[in-house]
């Protein structure tokens, strides 16, 4: 099965991905194609550069290109978690597989900023105002090559609330995984 992850910055997508990897899922990120392209251009992969790079790649190869490239490397029946899904076209490309499900990881804006500040990752915002500015650029756009997190989240099969601590999230995931496996298996039967 393929579990796709979407959500706003610092919502906990990485934590969900790590949890799934610990249960045998292989990790894939749509952002890896952007990072590779930026390195080839000699550009440091800051958050703003990642946004611009993704827009450029989607402009050249179509809005679902990152997902199309990722799907090519996923074998039928393989358990994979795909992170960094940011456009409806990427969801539509991944839905070519009947065993694909999209999870939106959701957390409050203040909670997410506190997490972001605590992780201190290169390219992350250094103030709440910068955090909000970066997020605003990712939420919606009429440009199909731009990130569209609001429209992407609207396509999710399951919303995973994550305003609490890691133990609460993991307990939620533990109860959710069997349901996801059943849904993915039902999708394969329809094929």
Protein backbone atom coordinates (compact mmCIF):
# COMPACT_ATOMS: atom_id res chain seq x y z
CA UNK A 1 0.00 0.00 0.00
CA UNK A 2 1.05 3.59 -0.52
CA UNK A 3 0.29 6.09 2.23
CA UNK A 4 0.72 9.66 1.10
CA UNK A 5 1.27 12.48 3.57
CA UNK A 6 0.24 16.08 3.24
CA UNK A 7 -0.04 18.87 5.76
CA UNK A 8 1.35 22.22 6.67
CA UNK A 9 4.90 22.87 7.82
CA UNK A 10 5.79 21.21 11.18
CA UNK A 11 2.43 19.45 11.44
CA UNK A 12 4.16 16.14 12.16
CA UNK A 13 4.39 14.52 8.73
CA UNK A 14 7.97 13.44 9.41
CA UNK A 15 6.97 11.86 12.70
CA UNK A 16 4.17 9.93 10.97
CA UNK A 17 6.60 8.85 8.23
CA UNK A 18 9.17 7.67 10.81
CA UNK A 19 6.47 5.69 12.62
CA UNK A 20 5.44 3.98 9.37
CA UNK A 21 9.07 3.25 8.43
CA UNK A 22 9.52 1.55 11.82
CA UNK A 23 6.63 -0.72 10.77
CA UNK A 24 8.21 -1.77 7.49
CA UNK A 25 7.21 1.01 5.08
CA UNK A 26 9.84 2.37 2.69
CA UNK A 27 10.18 6.17 2.74
CA UNK A 28 9.92 8.35 -0.37
CA UNK A 29 9.71 12.14 -0.49
CA UNK A 30 8.51 14.12 -3.48
CA UNK A 31 10.85 16.88 -2.28
CA UNK A 32 13.91 14.73 -3.04
CA UNK A 33 13.49 15.47 -6.76
CA UNK A 34 13.47 19.18 -5.97
CA UNK A 35 16.58 18.93 -3.76
CA UNK A 36 18.45 17.08 -6.52
CA UNK A 37 17.47 19.70 -9.10
CA UNK A 38 18.54 22.57 -6.80
CA UNK A 39 21.95 20.94 -6.21
CA UNK A 40 22.40 20.58 -9.96
CA UNK A 41 21.68 24.32 -10.27
CA UNK A 42 24.16 25.14 -7.46
CA UNK A 43 21.36 26.46 -5.23
CA UNK A 44 21.21 25.89 -1.46
CA UNK A 45 17.93 24.07 -0.64
CA UNK A 46 16.37 26.73 1.62
CA UNK A 47 12.61 26.63 2.14
CA UNK A 48 12.07 29.48 -0.34
CA UNK A 49 14.38 27.78 -2.88
CA UNK A 50 12.47 24.51 -2.46
CA UNK A 51 9.19 26.29 -3.21
CA UNK A 52 10.67 27.99 -6.28
CA UNK A 53 12.37 24.78 -7.45
CA UNK A 54 9.17 22.78 -7.13
CA UNK A 55 7.35 25.41 -9.12
CA UNK A 56 10.02 25.28 -11.84
CA UNK A 57 9.98 21.47 -12.10
CA UNK A 58 6.18 21.41 -12.21
CA UNK A 59 6.24 24.13 -14.85
CA UNK A 60 8.57 22.04 -17.02
CA UNK A 61 7.09 18.56 -16.46
CA UNK A 62 3.51 19.24 -15.44
CA UNK A 63 1.96 19.67 -12.00
CA UNK A 64 2.11 15.95 -11.13
CA UNK A 65 5.68 15.30 -12.30
CA UNK A 66 7.19 14.69 -8.85
CA UNK A 67 4.59 12.02 -8.09
CA UNK A 68 4.93 10.41 -11.52
CA UNK A 69 8.70 10.08 -11.01
CA UNK A 70 8.17 8.63 -7.53
CA UNK A 71 5.54 6.09 -8.65
CA UNK A 72 7.94 4.71 -11.24
CA UNK A 73 10.11 3.40 -8.39
CA UNK A 74 7.34 1.73 -6.34
CA UNK A 75 6.67 -1.95 -6.93
CA UNK A 76 3.10 -3.32 -6.82
CA UNK A 77 2.22 -4.49 -3.32
CA UNK A 78 5.12 -2.63 -1.71
CA UNK A 79 4.42 -0.68 1.50
CA UNK A 80 5.63 2.88 0.94
CA UNK A 81 5.04 6.17 2.69
CA UNK A 82 5.24 9.15 0.31
CA UNK A 83 5.92 12.48 1.97
CA UNK A 84 5.74 16.10 0.76
CA UNK A 85 2.57 15.89 -1.36
CA UNK A 86 1.69 19.53 -2.01
CA UNK A 87 -0.55 19.74 -5.10
CA UNK A 88 -3.83 18.15 -6.22
CA UNK A 89 -2.12 16.97 -9.41
CA UNK A 90 0.36 14.96 -7.31
CA UNK A 91 -2.56 13.32 -5.50
CA UNK A 92 -4.24 12.51 -8.82
CA UNK A 93 -1.02 10.99 -10.17
CA UNK A 94 -0.63 8.83 -7.04
CA UNK A 95 -4.28 7.76 -7.22
CA UNK A 96 -3.35 5.83 -10.37
CA UNK A 97 -2.54 3.14 -7.82
CA UNK A 98 -5.66 1.63 -6.22
CA UNK A 99 -3.79 1.05 -2.96
CA UNK A 100 -2.98 4.76 -2.43
CA UNK A 101 -4.45 6.65 0.53
CA UNK A 102 -3.78 10.30 1.42
CA UNK A 103 -3.43 11.36 5.05
CA UNK A 104 -3.49 15.00 6.08
CA UNK A 105 -1.52 15.57 9.28
CA UNK A 106 -3.11 18.58 10.95
CA UNK A 107 -1.93 20.76 13.85
CA UNK A 108 -2.70 24.26 15.11
CA UNK A 109 -0.55 27.11 13.74
CA UNK A 110 0.99 28.01 17.14
CA UNK A 111 1.78 24.38 17.91
CA UNK A 112 3.46 24.02 14.54
CA UNK A 113 5.55 27.16 15.01
CA UNK A 114 6.73 25.93 18.43
CA UNK A 115 7.78 22.62 16.86
CA UNK A 116 9.53 24.39 14.00
CA UNK A 117 11.44 26.65 16.39
CA UNK A 118 12.47 23.66 18.52
CA UNK A 119 13.80 21.64 15.57
CA UNK A 120 15.83 24.59 14.19
CA UNK A 121 16.19 23.03 10.73
CA UNK A 122 18.15 24.94 8.07
CA UNK A 123 15.80 27.04 5.96
CA UNK A 124 13.05 27.16 8.60
CA UNK A 125 11.59 30.51 9.59
CA UNK A 126 13.27 32.31 12.48
CA UNK A 127 10.21 34.33 13.52
CA UNK A 128 6.48 33.73 13.71
CA UNK A 129 5.90 36.43 11.05
CA UNK A 130 8.32 34.73 8.65
CA UNK A 131 6.67 31.36 9.41
CA UNK A 132 3.26 32.80 8.48
CA UNK A 133 4.65 34.46 5.32
CA UNK A 134 6.20 31.19 4.14
CA UNK A 135 3.03 29.27 4.89
CA UNK A 136 0.82 31.78 3.10
CA UNK A 137 2.89 31.22 -0.08
CA UNK A 138 2.16 27.47 0.12
CA UNK A 139 -1.57 27.46 0.84
CA UNK A 140 -3.23 28.21 -2.48
CA UNK A 141 -2.50 29.40 -5.96
CA UNK A 142 -4.14 29.56 -9.36
CA UNK A 143 -0.80 28.40 -10.79
CA UNK A 144 -0.84 24.59 -11.09
CA UNK A 145 2.96 24.56 -10.72
CA UNK A 146 2.73 26.20 -7.28
CA UNK A 147 2.03 24.54 -3.95
CA UNK A 148 -1.66 24.28 -3.10
CA UNK A 149 -1.87 22.86 0.41
CA UNK A 150 -5.51 23.81 0.99
CA UNK A 151 -6.74 22.09 -2.19
CA UNK A 152 -4.45 19.11 -1.56
CA UNK A 153 -5.73 18.66 2.00
CA UNK A 154 -9.29 18.70 0.66
CA UNK A 155 -8.47 15.48 -1.23
CA UNK A 156 -7.30 13.60 1.87
CA UNK A 157 -8.88 10.27 2.76
CA UNK A 158 -8.09 10.67 6.48
CA UNK A 159 -7.24 13.67 8.69
CA UNK A 160 -4.82 12.85 11.51
CA UNK A 161 -5.04 15.50 14.28
CA UNK A 162 -1.66 16.19 15.89
CA UNK A 163 -1.88 18.98 18.45
CA UNK A 164 -0.70 16.74 21.29
CA UNK A 165 2.49 14.90 22.07
CA UNK A 166 4.23 12.11 20.21
CA UNK A 167 2.71 9.34 22.35
CA UNK A 168 -0.81 10.56 21.54
CA UNK A 169 -0.01 10.66 17.83
CA UNK A 170 1.50 7.17 17.89
CA UNK A 171 -1.54 5.77 19.72
CA UNK A 172 -3.79 7.33 17.08
CA UNK A 173 -1.67 5.83 14.29
CA UNK A 174 -1.63 2.40 15.95
CA UNK A 175 -5.43 2.27 15.89
CA UNK A 176 -5.62 3.76 12.38
CA UNK A 177 -3.16 1.51 10.51
CA UNK A 178 -5.41 -1.60 10.37
CA UNK A 179 -8.23 0.54 8.91
CA UNK A 180 -5.84 1.96 6.31
CA UNK A 181 -4.70 -1.53 5.30
CA UNK A 182 -8.33 -2.63 4.88
CA UNK A 183 -9.15 0.43 2.77
CA UNK A 184 -6.08 -0.10 0.57
CA UNK A 185 -6.93 -3.80 0.12
CA UNK A 186 -10.49 -2.86 -0.88
CA UNK A 187 -9.01 -0.48 -3.47
CA UNK A 188 -6.93 -3.27 -4.98
CA UNK A 189 -10.02 -5.49 -5.28
CA UNK A 190 -11.78 -2.80 -7.34
CA UNK A 191 -8.97 -2.75 -9.89
